[in-house]
C-alpha atoms as a PDB file:
ATOM      1  CA  MET A   1     167.393-121.286  30.038  1.00  0.00           C
ATOM      2  CA  THR A   2     165.968-124.087  31.952  1.00  0.00           C
ATOM      3  CA  ALA A   3     162.269-124.101  34.258  1.00  0.00           C
ATOM      4  CA  PRO A   4     162.517-124.898  38.032  1.00  0.00           C
ATOM      5  CA  ASP A   5     161.863-128.407  39.440  1.00  0.00           C
ATOM      6  CA  LYS A   6     158.759-126.992  41.243  1.00  0.00           C
ATOM      7  CA  ILE A   7     156.300-123.981  41.192  1.00  0.00           C
ATOM      8  CA  VAL A   8     154.282-123.021  43.913  1.00  0.00           C
ATOM      9  CA  GLY A   9     150.837-121.384  43.309  1.00  0.00           C
ATOM     10  CA  LYS A  10     147.969-120.430  44.793  1.00  0.00           C
ATOM     11  CA  HIS A  11     146.302-123.685  45.466  1.00  0.00           C
ATOM     12  CA  ILE A  12     148.371-125.890  43.401  1.00  0.00           C
ATOM     13  CA  ILE A  13     152.170-126.973  43.251  1.00  0.00           C
ATOM     14  CA  LEU A  14     153.419-127.931  39.973  1.00  0.00           C
ATOM     15  CA  ARG A  15     156.426-129.955  40.455  1.00  0.00           C
ATOM     16  CA  ARG A  16     158.581-132.765  38.409  1.00  0.00           C
ATOM     17  CA  PHE A  17     156.777-136.218  37.698  1.00  0.00           C
ATOM     18  CA  ASN A  18     158.014-139.062  39.516  1.00  0.00           C
ATOM     19  CA  HIS A  19     157.615-142.659  39.010  1.00  0.00           C
ATOM     20  CA  VAL A  20     155.884-143.433  41.891  1.00  0.00           C
ATOM     21  CA  ASP A  21     153.261-140.798  40.426  1.00  0.00           C
ATOM     22  CA  ALA A  22     152.658-143.630  37.929  1.00  0.00           C
ATOM     23  CA  PRO A  23     149.252-145.169  39.300  1.00  0.00           C
ATOM     24  CA  ALA A  24     147.952-141.498  39.879  1.00  0.00           C
ATOM     25  CA  VAL A  25     148.753-140.324  36.313  1.00  0.00           C
ATOM     26  CA  TYR A  26     147.256-143.890  34.998  1.00  0.00           C
ATOM     27  CA  ASP A  27     143.844-143.402  37.337  1.00  0.00           C
ATOM     28  CA  TYR A  28     143.168-140.137  35.716  1.00  0.00           C
ATOM     29  CA  ALA A  29     144.472-140.850  31.939  1.00  0.00           C
ATOM     30  CA  LYS A  30     142.573-144.079  31.696  1.00  0.00           C
ATOM     31  CA  LEU A  31     139.049-142.355  31.658  1.00  0.00           C
ATOM     32  CA  GLU A  32     137.342-141.585  28.436  1.00  0.00           C
ATOM     33  CA  GLU A  33     135.926-138.405  29.515  1.00  0.00           C
ATOM     34  CA  VAL A  34     139.707-136.954  30.337  1.00  0.00           C
ATOM     35  CA  SER A  35     141.266-138.593  27.324  1.00  0.00           C
ATOM     36  CA  ARG A  36     138.857-137.527  24.635  1.00  0.00           C
ATOM     37  CA  TRP A  37     139.598-133.584  25.191  1.00  0.00           C
ATOM     38  CA  THR A  38     144.028-134.219  25.079  1.00  0.00           C
ATOM     39  CA  ILE A  39     145.726-134.452  21.683  1.00  0.00           C
ATOM     40  CA  THR A  40     148.468-137.030  22.487  1.00  0.00           C
ATOM     41  CA  MET A  41     146.310-139.161  25.368  1.00  0.00           C
ATOM     42  CA  PRO A  42     145.442-142.473  23.548  1.00  0.00           C
ATOM     43  CA  HIS A  43     142.127-144.000  24.650  1.00  0.00           C
ATOM     44  CA  PRO A  44     142.128-147.021  25.800  1.00  0.00           C
ATOM     45  CA  TYR A  45     145.186-146.014  28.066  1.00  0.00           C
ATOM     46  CA  PRO A  46     147.912-148.896  27.902  1.00  0.00           C
ATOM     47  CA  LYS A  47     148.904-149.840  32.052  1.00  0.00           C
ATOM     48  CA  LEU A  48     152.555-148.956  31.466  1.00  0.00           C
ATOM     49  CA  GLY A  49     151.882-145.716  30.058  1.00  0.00           C
ATOM     50  CA  ALA A  50     152.225-143.808  32.609  1.00  0.00           C
ATOM     51  CA  LEU A  51     155.377-145.122  33.663  1.00  0.00           C
ATOM     52  CA  LYS A  52     156.883-144.772  30.133  1.00  0.00           C
ATOM     53  CA  PHE A  53     155.627-140.969  29.908  1.00  0.00           C
ATOM     54  CA  ILE A  54     156.874-140.111  33.410  1.00  0.00           C
ATOM     55  CA  MET A  55     160.904-141.295  31.706  1.00  0.00           C
ATOM     56  CA  ASP A  56     160.263-139.847  28.559  1.00  0.00           C
ATOM     57  CA  ALA A  57     158.969-136.415  30.285  1.00  0.00           C
ATOM     58  CA  ASN A  58     162.127-136.473  32.547  1.00  0.00           C
ATOM     59  CA  ILE A  59     164.451-136.924  29.951  1.00  0.00           C
ATOM     60  CA  LYS A  60     162.941-133.933  27.857  1.00  0.00           C
ATOM     61  CA  PHE A  61     162.925-131.984  31.121  1.00  0.00           C
ATOM     62  CA  ASN A  62     166.399-132.618  31.482  1.00  0.00           C
ATOM     63  CA  LYS A  63     167.490-131.710  27.864  1.00  0.00           C
ATOM     64  CA  ASN A  64     165.659-128.294  28.323  1.00  0.00           C
ATOM     65  CA  ARG A  65     163.022-129.831  25.178  1.00  0.00           C
ATOM     66  CA  GLN A  66     160.116-130.099  27.091  1.00  0.00           C
ATOM     67  CA  TYR A  67     158.721-129.460  30.775  1.00  0.00           C
ATOM     68  CA  ASN A  68     156.029-131.670  32.105  1.00  0.00           C
ATOM     69  CA  TYR A  69     154.625-130.826  35.807  1.00  0.00           C
ATOM     70  CA  ALA A  70     152.454-132.988  37.733  1.00  0.00           C
ATOM     71  CA  ILE A  71     150.258-130.726  39.558  1.00  0.00           C
ATOM     72  CA  VAL A  72     149.491-131.629  43.408  1.00  0.00           C
ATOM     73  CA  LEU A  73     146.938-129.732  45.522  1.00  0.00           C
ATOM     74  CA  LYS A  74     148.543-128.082  48.012  1.00  0.00           C
ATOM     75  CA  GLY A  75     148.334-128.888  51.726  1.00  0.00           C
ATOM     76  CA  LYS A  76     147.468-132.288  50.458  1.00  0.00           C
ATOM     77  CA  ARG A  77     148.772-135.633  49.834  1.00  0.00           C
ATOM     78  CA  ASP A  78     151.533-134.889  47.175  1.00  0.00           C
ATOM     79  CA  GLU A  79     149.782-137.292  44.250  1.00  0.00           C
ATOM     80  CA  PRO A  80     148.875-135.870  41.094  1.00  0.00           C
ATOM     81  CA  ILE A  81     145.432-134.805  39.977  1.00  0.00           C
ATOM     82  CA  GLY A  82     146.716-134.055  36.427  1.00  0.00           C
ATOM     83  CA  GLY A  83     149.523-132.546  34.709  1.00  0.00           C
ATOM     84  CA  CYS A  84     150.656-129.652  32.517  1.00  0.00           C
ATOM     85  CA  SER A  85     153.577-128.619  30.088  1.00  0.00           C
ATOM     86  CA  ILE A  86     155.322-126.231  27.857  1.00  0.00           C
ATOM     87  CA  HIS A  87     156.156-128.168  24.493  1.00  0.00           C
ATOM     88  CA  ASP A  88     157.206-128.017  21.366  1.00  0.00           C
ATOM     89  CA  ILE A  89     159.991-125.345  22.349  1.00  0.00           C
ATOM     90  CA  ASP A  90     161.118-123.494  19.547  1.00  0.00           C
ATOM     91  CA  TRP A  91     164.339-121.639  21.181  1.00  0.00           C
ATOM     92  CA  ASP A  92     165.357-119.873  18.510  1.00  0.00           C
ATOM     93  CA  ASN A  93     162.050-118.221  17.718  1.00  0.00           C
ATOM     94  CA  LYS A  94     161.312-118.279  21.188  1.00  0.00           C
ATOM     95  CA  ASN A  95     157.582-120.174  20.894  1.00  0.00           C
ATOM     96  CA  ALA A  96     156.021-122.763  22.589  1.00  0.00           C
ATOM     97  CA  TYR A  97     153.208-124.624  22.921  1.00  0.00           C
ATOM     98  CA  PHE A  98     151.521-125.457  26.591  1.00  0.00           C
ATOM     99  CA  GLY A  99     148.525-127.768  27.696  1.00  0.00           C
ATOM    100  CA  TYR A 100     147.383-128.915  30.529  1.00  0.00           C
ATOM    101  CA  VAL A 101     144.701-131.848  31.678  1.00  0.00           C
ATOM    102  CA  ILE A 102     143.036-132.579  35.135  1.00  0.00           C
ATOM    103  CA  GLY A 103     141.395-135.686  36.336  1.00  0.00           C
ATOM    104  CA  LYS A 104     137.827-135.957  36.354  1.00  0.00           C
ATOM    105  CA  LYS A 105     137.279-135.527  39.816  1.00  0.00           C
ATOM    106  CA  HIS A 106     139.005-132.356  40.173  1.00  0.00           C
ATOM    107  CA  TRP A 107     136.786-130.704  37.530  1.00  0.00           C
ATOM    108  CA  GLY A 108     135.276-127.288  37.865  1.00  0.00           C
ATOM    109  CA  LYS A 109     137.555-126.313  40.637  1.00  0.00           C
ATOM    110  CA  GLY A 110     139.782-123.880  38.997  1.00  0.00           C
ATOM    111  CA  TYR A 111     142.446-126.002  38.856  1.00  0.00           C
ATOM    112  CA  ALA A 112     143.299-126.033  35.107  1.00  0.00           C
ATOM    113  CA  THR A 113     143.140-122.039  35.029  1.00  0.00           C
ATOM    114  CA  GLU A 114     145.557-121.972  37.611  1.00  0.00           C
ATOM    115  CA  ALA A 115     147.814-124.296  36.117  1.00  0.00           C
ATOM    116  CA  ALA A 116     147.642-122.398  32.603  1.00  0.00           C
ATOM    117  CA  GLY A 117     148.140-119.360  34.218  1.00  0.00           C
ATOM    118  CA  LEU A 118     151.273-120.743  36.210  1.00  0.00           C
ATOM    119  CA  MET A 119     152.670-121.915  32.346  1.00  0.00           C
ATOM    120  CA  LEU A 120     152.258-118.606  30.976  1.00  0.00           C
ATOM    121  CA  GLU A 121     153.718-116.927  33.984  1.00  0.00           C
ATOM    122  CA  LEU A 122     156.676-119.609  33.335  1.00  0.00           C
ATOM    123  CA  GLY A 123     157.082-119.067  29.613  1.00  0.00           C
ATOM    124  CA  PHE A 124     157.463-115.476  29.669  1.00  0.00           C
ATOM    125  CA  LYS A 125     158.881-114.513  32.927  1.00  0.00           C
ATOM    126  CA  ILE A 126     161.455-117.402  33.180  1.00  0.00           C
ATOM    127  CA  LEU A 127     161.832-119.088  30.165  1.00  0.00           C
ATOM    128  CA  LYS A 128     161.855-115.254  28.079  1.00  0.00           C
ATOM    129  CA  LEU A 129     159.447-116.615  25.367  1.00  0.00           C
ATOM    130  CA  HIS A 130     158.153-114.152  22.527  1.00  0.00           C
ATOM    131  CA  LYS A 131     154.973-116.092  22.275  1.00  0.00           C
ATOM    132  CA  MET A 132     152.806-119.027  23.463  1.00  0.00           C
ATOM    133  CA  ALA A 133     150.246-121.237  22.012  1.00  0.00           C
ATOM    134  CA  ALA A 134     147.683-123.996  22.971  1.00  0.00           C
ATOM    135  CA  ASN A 135     145.192-126.205  21.141  1.00  0.00           C
ATOM    136  CA  VAL A 136     141.921-126.672  22.144  1.00  0.00           C
ATOM    137  CA  PHE A 137     138.863-128.935  20.620  1.00  0.00           C
ATOM    138  CA  PRO A 138     135.726-127.093  19.885  1.00  0.00           C
ATOM    139  CA  GLU A 139     134.053-129.466  22.278  1.00  0.00           C
ATOM    140  CA  ASN A 140     135.725-128.466  24.714  1.00  0.00           C
ATOM    141  CA  PRO A 141     134.554-124.659  25.832  1.00  0.00           C
ATOM    142  CA  ALA A 142     135.615-124.901  29.482  1.00  0.00           C
ATOM    143  CA  SER A 143     139.121-125.145  28.190  1.00  0.00           C
ATOM    144  CA  GLU A 144     138.599-122.247  25.460  1.00  0.00           C
ATOM    145  CA  ARG A 145     137.520-120.344  28.391  1.00  0.00           C
ATOM    146  CA  ILE A 146     140.560-120.937  29.980  1.00  0.00           C
ATOM    147  CA  LEU A 147     142.703-119.562  27.274  1.00  0.00           C
ATOM    148  CA  LYS A 148     140.204-116.814  26.968  1.00  0.00           C
ATOM    149  CA  LYS A 149     140.688-115.848  30.517  1.00  0.00           C
ATOM    150  CA  TYR A 150     144.410-115.080  30.082  1.00  0.00           C
ATOM    151  CA  GLY A 151     143.879-112.884  26.678  1.00  0.00           C
ATOM    152  CA  MET A 152     144.780-115.513  24.320  1.00  0.00           C
ATOM    153  CA  ILE A 153     143.547-114.712  20.457  1.00  0.00           C
ATOM    154  CA  LEU A 154     141.868-117.294  18.396  1.00  0.00           C
ATOM    155  CA  GLU A 155     144.301-117.339  15.629  1.00  0.00           C
ATOM    156  CA  GLY A 156     142.895-120.435  13.386  1.00  0.00           C
ATOM    157  CA  VAL A 157     141.233-123.228  13.159  1.00  0.00           C
ATOM    158  CA  GLN A 158     142.804-126.474  11.927  1.00  0.00           C
ATOM    159  CA  ARG A 159     140.101-128.362   9.982  1.00  0.00           C
ATOM    160  CA  GLU A 160     139.651-131.983  10.483  1.00  0.00           C
ATOM    161  CA  ARG A 161     143.101-131.897  12.254  1.00  0.00           C
ATOM    162  CA  TYR A 162     142.803-135.328  14.319  1.00  0.00           C
ATOM    163  CA  TYR A 163     140.981-138.460  13.815  1.00  0.00           C
ATOM    164  CA  ARG A 164     139.578-139.432  17.055  1.00  0.00           C
ATOM    165  CA  ARG A 165     136.866-141.878  18.385  1.00  0.00           C
ATOM    166  CA  GLY A 166     135.837-142.475  14.737  1.00  0.00           C
ATOM    167  CA  ALA A 167     135.759-139.043  13.517  1.00  0.00           C
ATOM    168  CA  TRP A 168     137.530-136.094  12.321  1.00  0.00           C
ATOM    169  CA  ARG A 169     138.015-133.352  14.597  1.00  0.00           C
ATOM    170  CA  ASP A 170     138.584-129.544  14.445  1.00  0.00           C
ATOM    171  CA  LEU A 171     141.286-127.936  16.486  1.00  0.00           C
ATOM    172  CA  LEU A 172     141.129-124.332  17.737  1.00  0.00           C
ATOM    173  CA  SER A 173     144.715-122.818  18.045  1.00  0.00           C
ATOM    174  CA  TYR A 174     145.086-119.743  20.315  1.00  0.00           C
ATOM    175  CA  GLY A 175     148.482-117.750  20.781  1.00  0.00           C
ATOM    176  CA  ILE A 176     149.108-115.076  23.096  1.00  0.00           C
ATOM    177  CA  LEU A 177     152.838-112.500  22.494  1.00  0.00           C
ATOM    178  CA  GLU A 178     154.510-111.424  25.454  1.00  0.00           C
ATOM    179  CA  LYS A 179     153.579-108.109  25.191  1.00  0.00           C
ATOM    180  CA  GLU A 180     149.726-108.835  25.422  1.00  0.00           C
ATOM    181  CA  TYR A 181     150.667-110.887  28.635  1.00  0.00           C
ATOM    182  CA  LYS A 182     152.129-108.365  29.996  1.00  0.00           C
ATOM    183  CA  LYS A 183     149.368-106.033  29.540  1.00  0.00           C
ATOM    184  CA  SER A 184     146.462-108.566  30.533  1.00  0.00           C
ATOM    185  CA  THR A 185     148.519-109.456  33.852  1.00  0.00           C
ATOM    186  CA  LYS A 186     150.341-108.034  36.427  1.00  0.00           C
ATOM    187  CA  TYR A 187     153.556-108.895  34.987  1.00  0.00           C
END
């Protein structure tokens, strides 16, 4: 099973990252206000980090191991305002995680919500996954609301899972099964 190179939503387009996206990725990734909500984005973000991320993302995409997409605004410049992915794919058991990040100046406009919906649709309708999961820090209620909006269920708390910015932080684990997704959407 493979994912498409481009997914068109109502307000956003998800497309594969390319090397010319590196400056835009760096611009949002370098901000502590953005990276603090992610599990994998370091702070400070290295200057060449975006280019390395894009190269790694495309290798994994080509091998069907992880699908990273740039989030661009429909009808605007083809410049990423964020990114989203389906990752940690377990093809044998048909489950995966997904995540999203949006640049600070685009917060509160529904783009993360739309990207999350497109990731769930990709996972269940195209990749034929059985289960999808996402993790969120408890201090990020906006992201938690997005997961709940799509019918995801809190499955547990990973206590003191990550050491970030001088403190141990819990992680909330959410999940949704394909049959639950079908019930909660116009599948």
